[in-house]
Amino acid sequence: MPYFSRTNARHLYNAYGDKEAIFLRAFDQYAEAFLQAAGDALARGGAVAGLRNFFDMIVVNMTGGSPPRGCLTTRTALDAAISSADVRERVQGVLSRLEQLIARTLGAAPTGRSATDANRLARVIVTFTRGLAVMERAGYSRKQLKESAATFIDAVVGDA
């Protein structure tokens, strides 16, 4: 970062704090943009269309770039160097907010699903998204990830 900002690390740390503080600021910005994009995708169409839009968005996000950028939330959660309660709290916060967005979409569907069921299913869906991120890191293609997501959605919603 000092190279790209044309300053030295000491000046960055004086302005923004230590490495973790800089990371947390960047992570917070990423999280807000990700959650906004997820909410927008989920809001387009009904519940099933929203889920399809959401999965398309996350697969494209994690497979974009050269090399593919993956998923910062999952990579951060899996990082063995995580020892900070602040970092773990941020990751859990993003995943919790994502669950809420998905539960809201599921709860609005005309399926008669209770709020409790929508919340439980939202957690399963978020768990699956983390699995997709791991599969991307293992080298699965965008096409394979989209096929897995489509199969998962079909299994979750059935003929809805």
C-alpha atoms as a PDB file:
ATOM      1  CA  MET A   1       0.000   0.000   0.000  1.00  0.00           C
ATOM      2  CA  PRO A   2       2.798   2.502   0.689  1.00  0.00           C
ATOM      3  CA  TYR A   3       4.016   2.047  -2.893  1.00  0.00           C
ATOM      4  CA  PHE A   4       0.609   2.809  -4.415  1.00  0.00           C
ATOM      5  CA  SER A   5      -0.054   5.746  -2.118  1.00  0.00           C
ATOM      6  CA  ARG A   6       3.458   7.146  -2.740  1.00  0.00           C
ATOM      7  CA  THR A   7       4.122   7.418   0.950  1.00  0.00           C
ATOM      8  CA  ASN A   8       5.848   5.261   3.523  1.00  0.00           C
ATOM      9  CA  ALA A   9       4.233   2.836   5.918  1.00  0.00           C
ATOM     10  CA  ARG A  10       4.932   5.037   8.938  1.00  0.00           C
ATOM     11  CA  HIS A  11       2.824   7.858   7.486  1.00  0.00           C
ATOM     12  CA  LEU A  12      -0.029   5.454   6.743  1.00  0.00           C
ATOM     13  CA  TYR A  13       0.069   4.068  10.272  1.00  0.00           C
ATOM     14  CA  ASN A  14       0.144   7.576  11.732  1.00  0.00           C
ATOM     15  CA  ALA A  15      -2.901   8.524   9.673  1.00  0.00           C
ATOM     16  CA  TYR A  16      -4.943   5.319   9.963  1.00  0.00           C
ATOM     17  CA  GLY A  17      -3.526   3.248  12.815  1.00  0.00           C
ATOM     18  CA  ASP A  18      -1.872  -0.156  12.718  1.00  0.00           C
ATOM     19  CA  LYS A  19      -2.216  -2.817  10.011  1.00  0.00           C
ATOM     20  CA  GLU A  20      -5.348  -4.215  11.582  1.00  0.00           C
ATOM     21  CA  ALA A  21      -7.024  -0.805  11.772  1.00  0.00           C
ATOM     22  CA  ILE A  22      -6.273  -0.223   8.089  1.00  0.00           C
ATOM     23  CA  PHE A  23      -7.598  -3.694   7.226  1.00  0.00           C
ATOM     24  CA  LEU A  24     -10.780  -3.132   9.246  1.00  0.00           C
ATOM     25  CA  ARG A  25     -11.453   0.161   7.449  1.00  0.00           C
ATOM     26  CA  ALA A  26     -11.032  -1.542   4.081  1.00  0.00           C
ATOM     27  CA  PHE A  27     -13.118  -4.534   5.187  1.00  0.00           C
ATOM     28  CA  ASP A  28     -15.925  -2.266   6.400  1.00  0.00           C
ATOM     29  CA  GLN A  29     -16.032  -0.522   3.009  1.00  0.00           C
ATOM     30  CA  TYR A  30     -16.033  -3.877   1.218  1.00  0.00           C
ATOM     31  CA  ALA A  31     -18.781  -5.206   3.502  1.00  0.00           C
ATOM     32  CA  GLU A  32     -21.057  -2.227   2.903  1.00  0.00           C
ATOM     33  CA  ALA A  33     -20.649  -2.469  -0.873  1.00  0.00           C
ATOM     34  CA  PHE A  34     -21.177  -6.244  -0.813  1.00  0.00           C
ATOM     35  CA  LEU A  35     -24.286  -6.057   1.356  1.00  0.00           C
ATOM     36  CA  GLN A  36     -25.732  -3.271  -0.805  1.00  0.00           C
ATOM     37  CA  ALA A  37     -25.165  -5.350  -3.945  1.00  0.00           C
ATOM     38  CA  ALA A  38     -26.637  -8.439  -2.247  1.00  0.00           C
ATOM     39  CA  GLY A  39     -29.707  -6.514  -1.130  1.00  0.00           C
ATOM     40  CA  ASP A  40     -30.187  -5.074  -4.614  1.00  0.00           C
ATOM     41  CA  ALA A  41     -29.903  -8.518  -6.218  1.00  0.00           C
ATOM     42  CA  LEU A  42     -32.321 -10.084  -3.739  1.00  0.00           C
ATOM     43  CA  ALA A  43     -34.854  -7.285  -4.294  1.00  0.00           C
ATOM     44  CA  ARG A  44     -35.103  -7.831  -8.049  1.00  0.00           C
ATOM     45  CA  GLY A  45     -38.100 -10.047  -8.782  1.00  0.00           C
ATOM     46  CA  GLY A  46     -39.779 -12.419  -6.351  1.00  0.00           C
ATOM     47  CA  ALA A  47     -38.007 -14.625  -3.830  1.00  0.00           C
ATOM     48  CA  VAL A  48     -36.829 -17.236  -6.337  1.00  0.00           C
ATOM     49  CA  ALA A  49     -35.681 -14.640  -8.884  1.00  0.00           C
ATOM     50  CA  GLY A  50     -34.022 -12.700  -6.067  1.00  0.00           C
ATOM     51  CA  LEU A  51     -32.096 -15.787  -4.942  1.00  0.00           C
ATOM     52  CA  ARG A  52     -31.006 -16.488  -8.517  1.00  0.00           C
ATOM     53  CA  ASN A  53     -29.876 -12.866  -8.931  1.00  0.00           C
ATOM     54  CA  PHE A  54     -28.043 -13.025  -5.607  1.00  0.00           C
ATOM     55  CA  PHE A  55     -26.157 -16.215  -6.467  1.00  0.00           C
ATOM     56  CA  ASP A  56     -25.283 -14.878  -9.923  1.00  0.00           C
ATOM     57  CA  MET A  57     -23.927 -11.725  -8.292  1.00  0.00           C
ATOM     58  CA  ILE A  58     -21.740 -13.532  -5.770  1.00  0.00           C
ATOM     59  CA  VAL A  59     -20.377 -16.022  -8.305  1.00  0.00           C
ATOM     60  CA  VAL A  60     -19.481 -13.220 -10.711  1.00  0.00           C
ATOM     61  CA  ASN A  61     -17.906 -11.215  -7.861  1.00  0.00           C
ATOM     62  CA  MET A  62     -15.755 -14.072  -6.611  1.00  0.00           C
ATOM     63  CA  THR A  63     -14.656 -15.216 -10.077  1.00  0.00           C
ATOM     64  CA  GLY A  64     -13.963 -11.742 -11.437  1.00  0.00           C
ATOM     65  CA  GLY A  65     -10.488 -10.374 -11.871  1.00  0.00           C
ATOM     66  CA  SER A  66      -7.253 -11.973 -12.941  1.00  0.00           C
ATOM     67  CA  PRO A  67      -6.459 -13.871 -10.881  1.00  0.00           C
ATOM     68  CA  PRO A  68      -9.999 -14.270  -9.524  1.00  0.00           C
ATOM     69  CA  ARG A  69     -10.397 -12.249  -6.345  1.00  0.00           C
ATOM     70  CA  GLY A  70     -12.469 -14.802  -4.434  1.00  0.00           C
ATOM     71  CA  CYS A  71     -14.532 -13.776  -1.430  1.00  0.00           C
ATOM     72  CA  LEU A  72     -12.890 -11.466   1.094  1.00  0.00           C
ATOM     73  CA  THR A  73     -15.297 -12.431   3.871  1.00  0.00           C
ATOM     74  CA  THR A  74     -14.623 -16.153   3.524  1.00  0.00           C
ATOM     75  CA  ARG A  75     -10.900 -15.675   3.004  1.00  0.00           C
ATOM     76  CA  THR A  76     -10.752 -13.543   6.134  1.00  0.00           C
ATOM     77  CA  ALA A  77     -12.765 -16.084   8.142  1.00  0.00           C
ATOM     78  CA  LEU A  78     -10.489 -18.925   7.016  1.00  0.00           C
ATOM     79  CA  ASP A  79      -7.249 -17.040   7.595  1.00  0.00           C
ATOM     80  CA  ALA A  80      -5.306 -18.906  10.235  1.00  0.00           C
ATOM     81  CA  ALA A  81      -3.721 -15.640  11.333  1.00  0.00           C
ATOM     82  CA  ILE A  82      -7.027 -14.292  12.619  1.00  0.00           C
ATOM     83  CA  SER A  83      -6.536 -13.746  16.285  1.00  0.00           C
ATOM     84  CA  SER A  84      -8.360 -10.508  16.674  1.00  0.00           C
ATOM     85  CA  ALA A  85     -11.804 -10.435  18.189  1.00  0.00           C
ATOM     86  CA  ASP A  86     -12.494  -7.278  16.145  1.00  0.00           C
ATOM     87  CA  VAL A  87     -11.875  -9.082  12.850  1.00  0.00           C
ATOM     88  CA  ARG A  88     -14.003 -12.093  13.859  1.00  0.00           C
ATOM     89  CA  GLU A  89     -16.769  -9.740  15.010  1.00  0.00           C
ATOM     90  CA  ARG A  90     -16.719  -7.913  11.664  1.00  0.00           C
ATOM     91  CA  VAL A  91     -16.939 -11.173   9.688  1.00  0.00           C
ATOM     92  CA  GLN A  92     -19.770 -12.458  11.882  1.00  0.00           C
ATOM     93  CA  GLY A  93     -21.541  -9.130  11.492  1.00  0.00           C
ATOM     94  CA  VAL A  94     -21.421  -9.284   7.694  1.00  0.00           C
ATOM     95  CA  LEU A  95     -22.677 -12.863   7.661  1.00  0.00           C
ATOM     96  CA  SER A  96     -25.455 -12.012  10.118  1.00  0.00           C
ATOM     97  CA  ARG A  97     -26.574  -9.035   8.034  1.00  0.00           C
ATOM     98  CA  LEU A  98     -26.496 -11.209   4.917  1.00  0.00           C
ATOM     99  CA  GLU A  99     -28.712 -13.751   6.701  1.00  0.00           C
ATOM    100  CA  GLN A 100     -31.162 -10.966   7.528  1.00  0.00           C
ATOM    101  CA  LEU A 101     -31.316  -9.798   3.914  1.00  0.00           C
ATOM    102  CA  ILE A 102     -31.964 -13.322   2.684  1.00  0.00           C
ATOM    103  CA  ALA A 103     -34.510 -14.045   5.432  1.00  0.00           C
ATOM    104  CA  ARG A 104     -36.400 -10.892   4.504  1.00  0.00           C
ATOM    105  CA  THR A 105     -36.560 -12.050   0.874  1.00  0.00           C
ATOM    106  CA  LEU A 106     -37.686 -15.549   1.883  1.00  0.00           C
ATOM    107  CA  GLY A 107     -40.235 -14.188   4.344  1.00  0.00           C
ATOM    108  CA  ALA A 108     -41.850 -12.062   1.638  1.00  0.00           C
ATOM    109  CA  ALA A 109     -42.446 -15.081  -0.614  1.00  0.00           C
ATOM    110  CA  PRO A 110     -46.019 -16.370  -0.785  1.00  0.00           C
ATOM    111  CA  THR A 111     -45.016 -19.801   0.529  1.00  0.00           C
ATOM    112  CA  GLY A 112     -46.511 -19.553   3.977  1.00  0.00           C
ATOM    113  CA  ARG A 113     -43.033 -19.973   5.482  1.00  0.00           C
ATOM    114  CA  SER A 114     -42.800 -18.719   9.056  1.00  0.00           C
ATOM    115  CA  ALA A 115     -40.256 -16.075  10.048  1.00  0.00           C
ATOM    116  CA  THR A 116     -38.402 -18.732  12.059  1.00  0.00           C
ATOM    117  CA  ASP A 117     -38.217 -21.012   9.035  1.00  0.00           C
ATOM    118  CA  ALA A 118     -37.079 -18.122   6.820  1.00  0.00           C
ATOM    119  CA  ASN A 119     -34.314 -17.273   9.304  1.00  0.00           C
ATOM    120  CA  ARG A 120     -33.162 -20.890   9.558  1.00  0.00           C
ATOM    121  CA  LEU A 121     -33.177 -21.326   5.788  1.00  0.00           C
ATOM    122  CA  ALA A 122     -31.303 -18.037   5.359  1.00  0.00           C
ATOM    123  CA  ARG A 123     -28.508 -19.388   7.565  1.00  0.00           C
ATOM    124  CA  VAL A 124     -28.306 -22.526   5.421  1.00  0.00           C
ATOM    125  CA  ILE A 125     -28.132 -20.370   2.283  1.00  0.00           C
ATOM    126  CA  VAL A 126     -25.345 -18.219   3.741  1.00  0.00           C
ATOM    127  CA  THR A 127     -23.502 -21.400   4.718  1.00  0.00           C
ATOM    128  CA  PHE A 128     -23.798 -22.620   1.125  1.00  0.00           C
ATOM    129  CA  THR A 129     -22.385 -19.334  -0.183  1.00  0.00           C
ATOM    130  CA  ARG A 130     -19.276 -19.878   1.926  1.00  0.00           C
ATOM    131  CA  GLY A 131     -18.955 -23.345   0.407  1.00  0.00           C
ATOM    132  CA  LEU A 132     -19.096 -21.808  -3.064  1.00  0.00           C
ATOM    133  CA  ALA A 133     -16.259 -19.482  -2.082  1.00  0.00           C
ATOM    134  CA  VAL A 134     -14.144 -22.437  -0.974  1.00  0.00           C
ATOM    135  CA  MET A 135     -14.919 -24.255  -4.238  1.00  0.00           C
ATOM    136  CA  GLU A 136     -13.844 -21.166  -6.181  1.00  0.00           C
ATOM    137  CA  ARG A 137     -10.537 -21.161  -4.311  1.00  0.00           C
ATOM    138  CA  ALA A 138     -10.165 -24.849  -5.191  1.00  0.00           C
ATOM    139  CA  GLY A 139     -10.321 -23.925  -8.874  1.00  0.00           C
ATOM    140  CA  TYR A 140     -13.931 -24.534  -9.853  1.00  0.00           C
ATOM    141  CA  SER A 141     -14.989 -22.448 -12.837  1.00  0.00           C
ATOM    142  CA  ARG A 142     -17.662 -19.770 -12.920  1.00  0.00           C
ATOM    143  CA  LYS A 143     -19.841 -22.157 -14.934  1.00  0.00           C
ATOM    144  CA  GLN A 144     -19.458 -24.940 -12.352  1.00  0.00           C
ATOM    145  CA  LEU A 145     -20.237 -22.583  -9.478  1.00  0.00           C
ATOM    146  CA  LYS A 146     -23.330 -21.245 -11.242  1.00  0.00           C
ATOM    147  CA  GLU A 147     -24.506 -24.807 -11.898  1.00  0.00           C
ATOM    148  CA  SER A 148     -24.043 -25.687  -8.222  1.00  0.00           C
ATOM    149  CA  ALA A 149     -25.935 -22.573  -7.167  1.00  0.00           C
ATOM    150  CA  ALA A 150     -28.802 -23.345  -9.574  1.00  0.00           C
ATOM    151  CA  THR A 151     -29.049 -26.901  -8.243  1.00  0.00           C
ATOM    152  CA  PHE A 152     -29.049 -25.608  -4.677  1.00  0.00           C
ATOM    153  CA  ILE A 153     -31.789 -23.076  -5.391  1.00  0.00           C
ATOM    154  CA  ASP A 154     -33.894 -25.751  -7.083  1.00  0.00           C
ATOM    155  CA  ALA A 155     -33.463 -27.998  -4.050  1.00  0.00           C
ATOM    156  CA  VAL A 156     -34.346 -25.188  -1.646  1.00  0.00           C
ATOM    157  CA  VAL A 157     -37.397 -23.781  -3.402  1.00  0.00           C
ATOM    158  CA  GLY A 158     -38.665 -26.811  -5.283  1.00  0.00           C
ATOM    159  CA  ASP A 159     -41.341 -25.806  -7.763  1.00  0.00           C
ATOM    160  CA  ALA A 160     -41.967 -22.390  -6.208  1.00  0.00           C
END
